[in-house]
N, C-alpha and C. Protein backbone atom coordinates (compact mmCIF):
# COMPACT_ATOMS: atom_id res chain seq x y z
N UNK A 1 -27.89 18.19 0.89
CA UNK A 1 -27.12 17.76 -0.26
C UNK A 1 -25.76 18.47 -0.30
N UNK A 2 -25.79 19.77 0.01
CA UNK A 2 -24.55 20.53 -0.01
C UNK A 2 -23.56 19.99 1.03
N UNK A 3 -24.07 19.64 2.22
CA UNK A 3 -23.20 19.09 3.27
C UNK A 3 -22.59 17.76 2.83
N UNK A 4 -23.35 16.95 2.13
CA UNK A 4 -22.84 15.68 1.62
C UNK A 4 -21.72 15.91 0.62
N UNK A 5 -21.90 16.87 -0.29
CA UNK A 5 -20.86 17.19 -1.28
C UNK A 5 -19.58 17.68 -0.60
N UNK A 6 -19.74 18.53 0.41
CA UNK A 6 -18.57 19.05 1.15
C UNK A 6 -17.87 17.91 1.88
N UNK A 7 -18.64 17.02 2.50
CA UNK A 7 -18.07 15.88 3.20
C UNK A 7 -17.29 14.98 2.23
N UNK A 8 -17.86 14.72 1.07
CA UNK A 8 -17.19 13.89 0.06
C UNK A 8 -15.91 14.58 -0.41
N UNK A 9 -15.94 15.89 -0.62
CA UNK A 9 -14.76 16.63 -1.05
C UNK A 9 -13.66 16.54 0.00
N UNK A 10 -14.00 16.78 1.27
CA UNK A 10 -13.00 16.69 2.34
C UNK A 10 -12.45 15.27 2.48
N UNK A 11 -13.29 14.29 2.36
CA UNK A 11 -12.84 12.90 2.45
C UNK A 11 -11.85 12.59 1.32
N UNK A 12 -12.16 13.06 0.12
CA UNK A 12 -11.26 12.86 -1.02
C UNK A 12 -9.92 13.54 -0.81
N UNK A 13 -9.94 14.77 -0.31
CA UNK A 13 -8.69 15.48 -0.04
C UNK A 13 -7.88 14.80 1.06
N UNK A 14 -8.56 14.35 2.10
CA UNK A 14 -7.89 13.65 3.20
C UNK A 14 -7.22 12.37 2.69
N UNK A 15 -7.96 11.60 1.90
CA UNK A 15 -7.43 10.34 1.37
C UNK A 15 -6.24 10.61 0.46
N UNK A 16 -6.34 11.62 -0.39
CA UNK A 16 -5.23 11.94 -1.30
C UNK A 16 -4.01 12.40 -0.53
N UNK A 17 -4.20 13.22 0.48
CA UNK A 17 -3.07 13.71 1.28
C UNK A 17 -2.41 12.57 2.04
N UNK A 18 -3.23 11.68 2.59
CA UNK A 18 -2.69 10.56 3.37
C UNK A 18 -1.91 9.58 2.48
N UNK A 19 -2.37 9.37 1.26
CA UNK A 19 -1.79 8.35 0.39
C UNK A 19 -0.56 8.84 -0.36
N UNK A 20 -0.21 10.11 -0.29
CA UNK A 20 0.91 10.63 -1.06
C UNK A 20 2.26 10.06 -0.61
N UNK A 21 2.32 9.49 0.54
CA UNK A 21 3.59 8.93 1.00
C UNK A 21 3.77 7.48 0.55
N UNK A 22 2.85 6.94 -0.22
CA UNK A 22 2.93 5.55 -0.65
C UNK A 22 3.31 5.46 -2.12
N UNK A 23 4.24 4.56 -2.41
CA UNK A 23 4.65 4.25 -3.77
C UNK A 23 4.39 2.77 -4.00
N UNK A 24 3.84 2.44 -5.17
CA UNK A 24 3.39 1.08 -5.45
C UNK A 24 4.05 0.48 -6.70
N UNK A 25 4.05 -0.83 -6.75
CA UNK A 25 4.41 -1.57 -7.96
C UNK A 25 3.59 -2.85 -8.00
N UNK A 26 3.09 -3.17 -9.17
CA UNK A 26 2.41 -4.45 -9.39
C UNK A 26 3.20 -5.33 -10.34
N UNK A 27 4.31 -4.79 -10.84
CA UNK A 27 5.10 -5.51 -11.83
C UNK A 27 6.57 -5.58 -11.43
N UNK A 28 6.82 -5.72 -10.14
CA UNK A 28 8.18 -5.88 -9.68
C UNK A 28 8.77 -7.18 -10.21
N UNK A 29 10.09 -7.25 -10.20
CA UNK A 29 10.79 -8.41 -10.74
C UNK A 29 11.63 -9.06 -9.63
N UNK A 30 11.35 -10.31 -9.35
CA UNK A 30 12.15 -11.10 -8.40
C UNK A 30 12.56 -12.37 -9.11
N UNK A 31 13.82 -12.74 -8.96
CA UNK A 31 14.26 -14.00 -9.55
C UNK A 31 15.26 -14.68 -8.64
N UNK A 32 15.37 -15.98 -8.84
CA UNK A 32 16.36 -16.73 -8.07
C UNK A 32 17.23 -17.54 -9.02
N UNK A 33 18.44 -17.84 -8.52
CA UNK A 33 19.45 -18.49 -9.34
C UNK A 33 20.25 -19.43 -8.45
N UNK A 34 20.53 -20.58 -9.00
CA UNK A 34 21.35 -21.58 -8.31
C UNK A 34 22.16 -22.33 -9.37
N UNK A 35 23.41 -22.60 -9.05
CA UNK A 35 24.26 -23.30 -10.01
C UNK A 35 25.04 -24.39 -9.30
N UNK A 36 25.03 -25.56 -9.88
CA UNK A 36 25.87 -26.68 -9.45
C UNK A 36 26.61 -27.18 -10.69
N UNK A 37 27.59 -28.07 -10.52
CA UNK A 37 28.26 -28.63 -11.71
C UNK A 37 27.29 -29.38 -12.63
N UNK A 38 26.15 -29.80 -12.10
CA UNK A 38 25.20 -30.60 -12.87
C UNK A 38 24.10 -29.74 -13.50
N UNK A 39 23.67 -28.66 -12.84
CA UNK A 39 22.46 -27.95 -13.28
C UNK A 39 22.50 -26.48 -12.89
N UNK A 40 21.93 -25.64 -13.77
CA UNK A 40 21.67 -24.24 -13.45
C UNK A 40 20.15 -24.10 -13.32
N UNK A 41 19.73 -23.50 -12.22
CA UNK A 41 18.30 -23.28 -11.99
C UNK A 41 18.09 -21.78 -11.88
N UNK A 42 17.17 -21.28 -12.69
CA UNK A 42 16.85 -19.86 -12.67
C UNK A 42 15.37 -19.70 -12.98
N UNK A 43 14.71 -18.84 -12.22
CA UNK A 43 13.29 -18.57 -12.43
C UNK A 43 13.02 -17.10 -12.19
N UNK A 44 12.12 -16.53 -12.99
CA UNK A 44 11.78 -15.12 -12.92
C UNK A 44 10.29 -14.93 -12.64
N UNK A 45 9.99 -13.90 -11.87
CA UNK A 45 8.61 -13.55 -11.55
C UNK A 45 8.46 -12.04 -11.74
N UNK A 46 7.63 -11.63 -12.68
CA UNK A 46 7.41 -10.21 -12.97
C UNK A 46 6.05 -9.71 -12.49
N UNK A 47 5.46 -10.44 -11.56
CA UNK A 47 4.14 -10.06 -11.03
C UNK A 47 4.21 -9.86 -9.53
N UNK A 48 5.22 -9.13 -9.10
CA UNK A 48 5.43 -8.89 -7.68
C UNK A 48 4.74 -7.59 -7.27
N UNK A 49 3.84 -7.67 -6.33
CA UNK A 49 3.16 -6.48 -5.81
C UNK A 49 3.94 -5.97 -4.60
N UNK A 50 4.15 -4.66 -4.55
CA UNK A 50 4.95 -4.10 -3.47
C UNK A 50 4.53 -2.66 -3.18
N UNK A 51 4.80 -2.24 -1.95
CA UNK A 51 4.50 -0.87 -1.52
C UNK A 51 5.63 -0.38 -0.61
N UNK A 52 5.95 0.90 -0.76
CA UNK A 52 6.91 1.59 0.12
C UNK A 52 6.21 2.81 0.70
N UNK A 53 6.42 3.05 1.98
CA UNK A 53 5.95 4.29 2.62
C UNK A 53 7.16 5.21 2.75
N UNK A 54 7.11 6.36 2.08
CA UNK A 54 8.21 7.32 2.20
C UNK A 54 8.16 8.07 3.53
N UNK A 55 7.06 7.94 4.21
CA UNK A 55 6.92 8.60 5.52
C UNK A 55 7.61 7.79 6.62
N UNK A 56 7.47 6.47 6.58
CA UNK A 56 8.01 5.61 7.65
C UNK A 56 9.22 4.78 7.22
N UNK A 57 9.45 4.66 5.92
CA UNK A 57 10.53 3.81 5.45
C UNK A 57 10.18 2.33 5.46
N UNK A 58 8.92 2.01 5.64
CA UNK A 58 8.51 0.60 5.64
C UNK A 58 8.23 0.14 4.22
N UNK A 59 8.35 -1.15 4.00
CA UNK A 59 8.06 -1.73 2.69
C UNK A 59 7.53 -3.14 2.87
N UNK A 60 6.81 -3.58 1.85
CA UNK A 60 6.27 -4.94 1.85
C UNK A 60 6.15 -5.39 0.41
N UNK A 61 6.29 -6.70 0.21
CA UNK A 61 5.98 -7.24 -1.11
C UNK A 61 5.37 -8.62 -0.98
N UNK A 62 4.65 -8.98 -2.04
CA UNK A 62 3.95 -10.26 -2.09
C UNK A 62 4.17 -10.88 -3.46
N UNK A 63 4.49 -12.17 -3.45
CA UNK A 63 4.77 -12.88 -4.69
C UNK A 63 3.83 -14.08 -4.80
N UNK A 64 3.20 -14.22 -5.94
CA UNK A 64 2.43 -15.43 -6.23
C UNK A 64 3.44 -16.47 -6.71
N UNK A 65 3.61 -17.54 -5.97
CA UNK A 65 4.65 -18.53 -6.28
C UNK A 65 4.49 -19.16 -7.66
N UNK A 66 3.25 -19.37 -8.10
CA UNK A 66 3.04 -19.98 -9.42
C UNK A 66 3.44 -19.07 -10.56
N UNK A 67 3.73 -17.81 -10.27
CA UNK A 67 4.11 -16.88 -11.33
C UNK A 67 5.60 -16.94 -11.66
N UNK A 68 6.37 -17.76 -10.96
CA UNK A 68 7.77 -17.96 -11.34
C UNK A 68 7.82 -18.75 -12.63
N UNK A 69 8.60 -18.26 -13.59
CA UNK A 69 8.74 -18.92 -14.90
C UNK A 69 10.16 -19.44 -15.05
N UNK A 70 10.24 -20.70 -15.45
CA UNK A 70 11.50 -21.39 -15.65
C UNK A 70 11.74 -21.60 -17.15
N UNK A 71 12.99 -21.87 -17.49
CA UNK A 71 13.32 -22.16 -18.89
C UNK A 71 12.67 -23.46 -19.34
N UNK A 72 12.60 -24.43 -18.43
CA UNK A 72 12.01 -25.73 -18.76
C UNK A 72 10.74 -25.96 -17.93
N UNK A 73 9.71 -26.42 -18.62
CA UNK A 73 8.41 -26.64 -17.98
C UNK A 73 8.50 -27.66 -16.85
N UNK A 74 9.34 -28.68 -16.99
CA UNK A 74 9.47 -29.71 -15.96
C UNK A 74 10.03 -29.12 -14.66
N UNK A 75 10.98 -28.21 -14.77
CA UNK A 75 11.51 -27.54 -13.58
C UNK A 75 10.41 -26.75 -12.88
N UNK A 76 9.61 -26.06 -13.66
CA UNK A 76 8.52 -25.26 -13.10
C UNK A 76 7.51 -26.16 -12.39
N UNK A 77 7.21 -27.29 -13.00
CA UNK A 77 6.27 -28.24 -12.39
C UNK A 77 6.82 -28.78 -11.07
N UNK A 78 8.10 -29.17 -11.06
CA UNK A 78 8.71 -29.69 -9.82
C UNK A 78 8.76 -28.61 -8.75
N UNK A 79 9.09 -27.39 -9.14
CA UNK A 79 9.13 -26.28 -8.19
C UNK A 79 7.78 -26.11 -7.50
N UNK A 80 6.71 -26.05 -8.31
CA UNK A 80 5.36 -25.80 -7.77
C UNK A 80 4.79 -26.99 -7.00
N UNK A 81 5.03 -28.20 -7.46
CA UNK A 81 4.42 -29.37 -6.84
C UNK A 81 5.26 -29.98 -5.71
N UNK A 82 6.57 -30.04 -5.89
CA UNK A 82 7.41 -30.79 -4.95
C UNK A 82 8.19 -29.93 -3.95
N UNK A 83 8.55 -28.71 -4.33
CA UNK A 83 9.43 -27.93 -3.47
C UNK A 83 8.69 -26.79 -2.77
N UNK A 84 8.22 -25.80 -3.51
CA UNK A 84 7.54 -24.66 -2.88
C UNK A 84 6.10 -25.01 -2.52
N UNK A 85 5.56 -26.06 -3.14
CA UNK A 85 4.19 -26.53 -2.89
C UNK A 85 3.19 -25.37 -3.01
N UNK A 86 3.11 -24.82 -4.21
CA UNK A 86 2.28 -23.63 -4.46
C UNK A 86 0.81 -23.81 -4.12
N UNK A 87 0.29 -25.01 -4.22
CA UNK A 87 -1.10 -25.23 -3.84
C UNK A 87 -1.32 -25.01 -2.35
N UNK A 88 -0.35 -25.40 -1.55
CA UNK A 88 -0.43 -25.27 -0.10
C UNK A 88 0.08 -23.90 0.38
N UNK A 89 1.09 -23.38 -0.31
CA UNK A 89 1.71 -22.09 0.04
C UNK A 89 1.72 -21.21 -1.21
N UNK A 90 0.59 -20.60 -1.54
CA UNK A 90 0.48 -19.86 -2.81
C UNK A 90 1.32 -18.58 -2.88
N UNK A 91 1.67 -18.00 -1.74
CA UNK A 91 2.38 -16.72 -1.74
C UNK A 91 3.63 -16.77 -0.88
N UNK A 92 4.59 -15.95 -1.27
CA UNK A 92 5.74 -15.64 -0.44
C UNK A 92 5.67 -14.13 -0.17
N UNK A 93 6.07 -13.70 1.03
CA UNK A 93 5.94 -12.30 1.39
C UNK A 93 7.18 -11.78 2.10
N UNK A 94 7.31 -10.47 2.10
CA UNK A 94 8.32 -9.79 2.90
C UNK A 94 7.67 -8.54 3.48
N UNK A 95 7.96 -8.26 4.74
CA UNK A 95 7.48 -7.05 5.40
C UNK A 95 8.61 -6.53 6.28
N UNK A 96 9.02 -5.29 6.05
CA UNK A 96 10.13 -4.75 6.84
C UNK A 96 10.28 -3.27 6.64
N UNK A 97 11.51 -2.78 6.88
CA UNK A 97 11.76 -1.35 6.71
C UNK A 97 13.24 -1.11 6.48
N UNK A 98 13.52 0.09 6.00
CA UNK A 98 14.90 0.53 5.85
C UNK A 98 15.41 0.89 7.23
N UNK A 99 16.57 0.35 7.61
CA UNK A 99 17.06 0.56 8.96
C UNK A 99 17.99 1.76 9.09
N UNK A 100 18.51 2.26 7.99
CA UNK A 100 19.49 3.33 8.08
C UNK A 100 19.30 4.39 7.01
N UNK A 101 18.10 4.52 6.52
CA UNK A 101 17.83 5.45 5.43
C UNK A 101 16.95 6.58 5.95
N UNK A 102 17.43 7.79 5.83
CA UNK A 102 16.66 8.95 6.25
C UNK A 102 15.49 9.13 5.28
N UNK A 103 14.28 9.01 5.77
CA UNK A 103 13.11 9.05 4.89
C UNK A 103 12.97 10.38 4.16
N UNK A 104 13.62 11.43 4.64
CA UNK A 104 13.57 12.70 3.90
C UNK A 104 14.29 12.58 2.56
N UNK A 105 15.19 11.59 2.43
CA UNK A 105 15.91 11.40 1.18
C UNK A 105 15.01 10.97 0.03
N UNK A 106 13.81 10.48 0.32
CA UNK A 106 12.91 10.09 -0.75
C UNK A 106 12.53 11.28 -1.63
N UNK A 107 12.72 12.49 -1.12
CA UNK A 107 12.37 13.67 -1.91
C UNK A 107 13.55 14.16 -2.76
N UNK A 108 14.73 13.57 -2.59
CA UNK A 108 15.92 14.01 -3.32
C UNK A 108 16.33 12.96 -4.35
N UNK A 109 16.47 13.40 -5.60
CA UNK A 109 16.95 12.46 -6.61
C UNK A 109 18.38 12.07 -6.28
N UNK A 110 18.69 10.80 -6.56
CA UNK A 110 20.03 10.31 -6.31
C UNK A 110 20.02 8.81 -6.07
N UNK A 111 21.20 8.28 -5.81
CA UNK A 111 21.37 6.86 -5.55
C UNK A 111 21.84 6.69 -4.11
N UNK A 112 21.21 5.77 -3.38
CA UNK A 112 21.48 5.61 -1.96
C UNK A 112 21.69 4.14 -1.62
N UNK A 113 22.72 3.86 -0.86
CA UNK A 113 22.92 2.53 -0.30
C UNK A 113 22.04 2.42 0.94
N UNK A 114 21.35 1.31 1.07
CA UNK A 114 20.43 1.13 2.20
C UNK A 114 20.60 -0.26 2.79
N UNK A 115 20.07 -0.43 3.97
CA UNK A 115 19.94 -1.74 4.59
C UNK A 115 18.48 -1.96 4.89
N UNK A 116 18.03 -3.16 4.60
CA UNK A 116 16.64 -3.53 4.81
C UNK A 116 16.60 -4.66 5.82
N UNK A 117 15.62 -4.60 6.71
CA UNK A 117 15.45 -5.63 7.73
C UNK A 117 13.97 -5.94 7.86
N UNK A 118 13.65 -7.23 7.95
CA UNK A 118 12.25 -7.60 8.11
C UNK A 118 12.04 -9.09 8.05
N UNK A 119 10.78 -9.48 7.90
CA UNK A 119 10.39 -10.89 7.92
C UNK A 119 10.10 -11.39 6.51
N UNK A 120 10.83 -12.42 6.12
CA UNK A 120 10.63 -13.09 4.83
C UNK A 120 9.89 -14.39 5.11
N UNK A 121 8.75 -14.56 4.44
CA UNK A 121 7.92 -15.75 4.64
C UNK A 121 7.90 -16.54 3.33
N UNK A 122 8.51 -17.71 3.35
CA UNK A 122 8.55 -18.62 2.20
C UNK A 122 8.13 -19.99 2.68
N UNK A 123 7.24 -20.65 1.94
CA UNK A 123 6.85 -22.03 2.24
C UNK A 123 6.26 -22.15 3.64
N UNK A 124 5.60 -21.08 4.10
CA UNK A 124 4.97 -21.09 5.41
C UNK A 124 5.92 -20.89 6.57
N UNK A 125 7.18 -20.59 6.29
CA UNK A 125 8.18 -20.37 7.34
C UNK A 125 8.64 -18.92 7.29
N UNK A 126 8.56 -18.23 8.42
CA UNK A 126 8.95 -16.83 8.50
C UNK A 126 10.32 -16.73 9.17
N UNK A 127 11.23 -16.03 8.51
CA UNK A 127 12.57 -15.79 9.04
C UNK A 127 12.88 -14.30 8.97
N UNK A 128 13.55 -13.81 10.00
CA UNK A 128 13.99 -12.42 10.02
C UNK A 128 15.28 -12.31 9.22
N UNK A 129 15.33 -11.39 8.26
CA UNK A 129 16.54 -11.23 7.46
C UNK A 129 16.99 -9.78 7.46
N UNK A 130 18.26 -9.58 7.15
CA UNK A 130 18.85 -8.27 6.95
C UNK A 130 19.63 -8.35 5.64
N UNK A 131 19.47 -7.33 4.80
CA UNK A 131 20.17 -7.35 3.52
C UNK A 131 20.46 -5.93 3.05
N UNK A 132 21.58 -5.74 2.36
CA UNK A 132 21.83 -4.42 1.77
C UNK A 132 21.05 -4.26 0.47
N UNK A 133 20.92 -3.03 0.05
CA UNK A 133 20.24 -2.76 -1.21
C UNK A 133 20.60 -1.37 -1.70
N UNK A 134 19.97 -1.00 -2.80
CA UNK A 134 20.18 0.32 -3.40
C UNK A 134 18.83 0.92 -3.72
N UNK A 135 18.68 2.19 -3.43
CA UNK A 135 17.50 2.96 -3.81
C UNK A 135 17.97 4.06 -4.76
N UNK A 136 17.36 4.12 -5.94
CA UNK A 136 17.60 5.21 -6.88
C UNK A 136 16.30 5.98 -7.01
N UNK A 137 16.38 7.28 -6.86
CA UNK A 137 15.20 8.12 -6.98
C UNK A 137 15.43 9.04 -8.18
N UNK A 138 14.55 8.89 -9.17
CA UNK A 138 14.67 9.75 -10.35
C UNK A 138 13.34 9.80 -11.09
N UNK A 139 13.05 10.95 -11.60
CA UNK A 139 11.85 11.14 -12.39
C UNK A 139 10.55 10.85 -11.66
N UNK A 140 10.53 11.06 -10.34
CA UNK A 140 9.32 10.83 -9.56
C UNK A 140 9.07 9.36 -9.24
N UNK A 141 10.03 8.50 -9.54
CA UNK A 141 9.89 7.07 -9.24
C UNK A 141 11.01 6.62 -8.31
N UNK A 142 10.76 5.49 -7.65
CA UNK A 142 11.74 4.88 -6.77
C UNK A 142 12.15 3.53 -7.36
N UNK A 143 13.44 3.35 -7.57
CA UNK A 143 13.99 2.11 -8.11
C UNK A 143 14.72 1.40 -6.98
N UNK A 144 14.23 0.23 -6.59
CA UNK A 144 14.80 -0.51 -5.45
C UNK A 144 15.41 -1.81 -5.94
N UNK A 145 16.64 -2.09 -5.47
CA UNK A 145 17.32 -3.33 -5.84
C UNK A 145 18.00 -3.93 -4.62
N UNK A 146 17.98 -5.25 -4.58
CA UNK A 146 18.65 -5.96 -3.50
C UNK A 146 18.99 -7.37 -3.98
N UNK A 147 20.00 -7.94 -3.36
CA UNK A 147 20.37 -9.32 -3.66
C UNK A 147 20.78 -9.97 -2.35
N UNK A 148 20.25 -11.17 -2.10
CA UNK A 148 20.58 -11.88 -0.88
C UNK A 148 20.49 -13.38 -1.13
N UNK A 149 20.90 -14.15 -0.15
CA UNK A 149 20.96 -15.61 -0.28
C UNK A 149 19.93 -16.25 0.64
N UNK A 150 19.25 -17.26 0.12
CA UNK A 150 18.29 -18.04 0.89
C UNK A 150 18.69 -19.51 0.79
N UNK A 151 18.65 -20.20 1.92
CA UNK A 151 18.87 -21.65 1.94
C UNK A 151 17.50 -22.32 1.98
N UNK A 152 17.14 -23.12 0.97
CA UNK A 152 15.82 -23.77 0.97
C UNK A 152 15.52 -24.52 2.26
N UNK A 153 16.52 -25.20 2.84
CA UNK A 153 16.28 -25.97 4.07
C UNK A 153 15.86 -25.09 5.24
N UNK A 154 16.29 -23.80 5.25
CA UNK A 154 15.88 -22.87 6.31
C UNK A 154 14.38 -22.59 6.27
N UNK A 155 13.77 -22.84 5.13
CA UNK A 155 12.34 -22.57 4.95
C UNK A 155 11.53 -23.86 4.81
N UNK A 156 12.08 -24.94 5.31
CA UNK A 156 11.35 -26.21 5.32
C UNK A 156 11.16 -26.83 3.94
N UNK A 157 11.97 -26.43 2.98
CA UNK A 157 11.89 -26.99 1.63
C UNK A 157 12.87 -28.16 1.56
N UNK A 158 12.32 -29.33 1.41
CA UNK A 158 13.14 -30.55 1.38
C UNK A 158 13.54 -30.89 -0.04
N UNK A 159 14.83 -31.15 -0.22
CA UNK A 159 15.37 -31.56 -1.52
C UNK A 159 15.74 -33.04 -1.41
N UNK A 160 15.05 -33.90 -2.16
CA UNK A 160 15.35 -35.34 -2.08
C UNK A 160 16.79 -35.64 -2.50
N UNK A 161 17.37 -36.66 -1.89
CA UNK A 161 18.74 -37.06 -2.16
C UNK A 161 19.00 -37.34 -3.63
N UNK A 162 18.01 -37.83 -4.35
CA UNK A 162 18.15 -38.18 -5.75
C UNK A 162 18.52 -36.97 -6.62
N UNK A 163 18.04 -35.79 -6.26
CA UNK A 163 18.32 -34.59 -7.05
C UNK A 163 19.17 -33.57 -6.29
N UNK A 164 19.66 -33.94 -5.13
CA UNK A 164 20.42 -33.02 -4.29
C UNK A 164 21.62 -32.41 -5.01
N UNK A 165 22.27 -33.17 -5.87
CA UNK A 165 23.44 -32.67 -6.59
C UNK A 165 23.06 -31.67 -7.69
N UNK A 166 21.79 -31.65 -8.07
CA UNK A 166 21.34 -30.75 -9.14
C UNK A 166 20.89 -29.40 -8.62
N UNK A 167 20.59 -29.31 -7.33
CA UNK A 167 20.06 -28.08 -6.75
C UNK A 167 21.05 -27.54 -5.73
N UNK A 168 21.43 -26.29 -5.91
CA UNK A 168 22.40 -25.68 -5.01
C UNK A 168 21.86 -25.57 -3.59
N UNK A 169 22.76 -25.55 -2.63
CA UNK A 169 22.37 -25.41 -1.22
C UNK A 169 21.88 -24.00 -0.92
N UNK A 170 22.30 -23.04 -1.76
CA UNK A 170 21.89 -21.65 -1.61
C UNK A 170 21.24 -21.17 -2.90
N UNK A 171 20.27 -20.29 -2.74
CA UNK A 171 19.62 -19.64 -3.87
C UNK A 171 19.94 -18.15 -3.79
N UNK A 172 20.47 -17.60 -4.86
CA UNK A 172 20.67 -16.16 -4.93
C UNK A 172 19.33 -15.54 -5.32
N UNK A 173 18.83 -14.66 -4.49
CA UNK A 173 17.55 -13.98 -4.73
C UNK A 173 17.86 -12.54 -5.12
N UNK A 174 17.30 -12.09 -6.23
CA UNK A 174 17.47 -10.70 -6.67
C UNK A 174 16.10 -10.04 -6.75
N UNK A 175 16.02 -8.85 -6.18
CA UNK A 175 14.78 -8.06 -6.18
C UNK A 175 15.07 -6.78 -6.96
N UNK A 176 14.20 -6.46 -7.92
CA UNK A 176 14.36 -5.27 -8.75
C UNK A 176 12.95 -4.71 -9.00
N UNK A 177 12.61 -3.64 -8.29
CA UNK A 177 11.25 -3.12 -8.34
C UNK A 177 11.26 -1.62 -8.63
N UNK A 178 10.38 -1.20 -9.52
CA UNK A 178 10.20 0.22 -9.83
C UNK A 178 8.86 0.64 -9.23
N UNK A 179 8.92 1.62 -8.34
CA UNK A 179 7.72 2.12 -7.65
C UNK A 179 7.27 3.45 -8.25
N UNK A 180 5.97 3.60 -8.38
CA UNK A 180 5.37 4.85 -8.82
C UNK A 180 4.51 5.40 -7.69
N UNK A 181 4.34 6.72 -7.64
CA UNK A 181 3.51 7.29 -6.57
C UNK A 181 2.05 6.89 -6.72
N UNK A 182 1.36 6.85 -5.60
CA UNK A 182 -0.07 6.56 -5.59
C UNK A 182 -0.80 7.71 -6.29
N UNK A 183 -1.69 7.37 -7.16
CA UNK A 183 -2.45 8.40 -7.90
C UNK A 183 -3.80 8.59 -7.26
């Protein structure tokens, strides 16, 4: 029995030590915006799960597509049924890393300009992207922000000619996530 208790204690310490380099968020915020002379389209998602490794500089996030909220219910319905096809493609993901950020900086409070590179998967299509961003470290948390452009056609999202004038050719994507250390 004593050996079992010691084994459990060591396993717990090992797991805690290993996990200290991970910061998580389950309530990240991602939104997209598009404007044409005919229509403004904007949707927000506050249920973005994400993780950063301060040891390797890698990061990943996952978005449930049906969690995007629009100002008008009809836009949300068209987004889920006709464009992103949430039933067929329930999630969008990103997996990558900081390409020019010294991972030792995660221990220093401050604001840092970073570049992120990795694979963005939307609508079942994976594309390699590079984008600038900002990391703010304060109060034991990591605040990550980035803004980039996505073309729906690059991800196999077809916009019918009837509504083509209402939907911009580019979508501005903004990522704003607050990470807390693993407990």
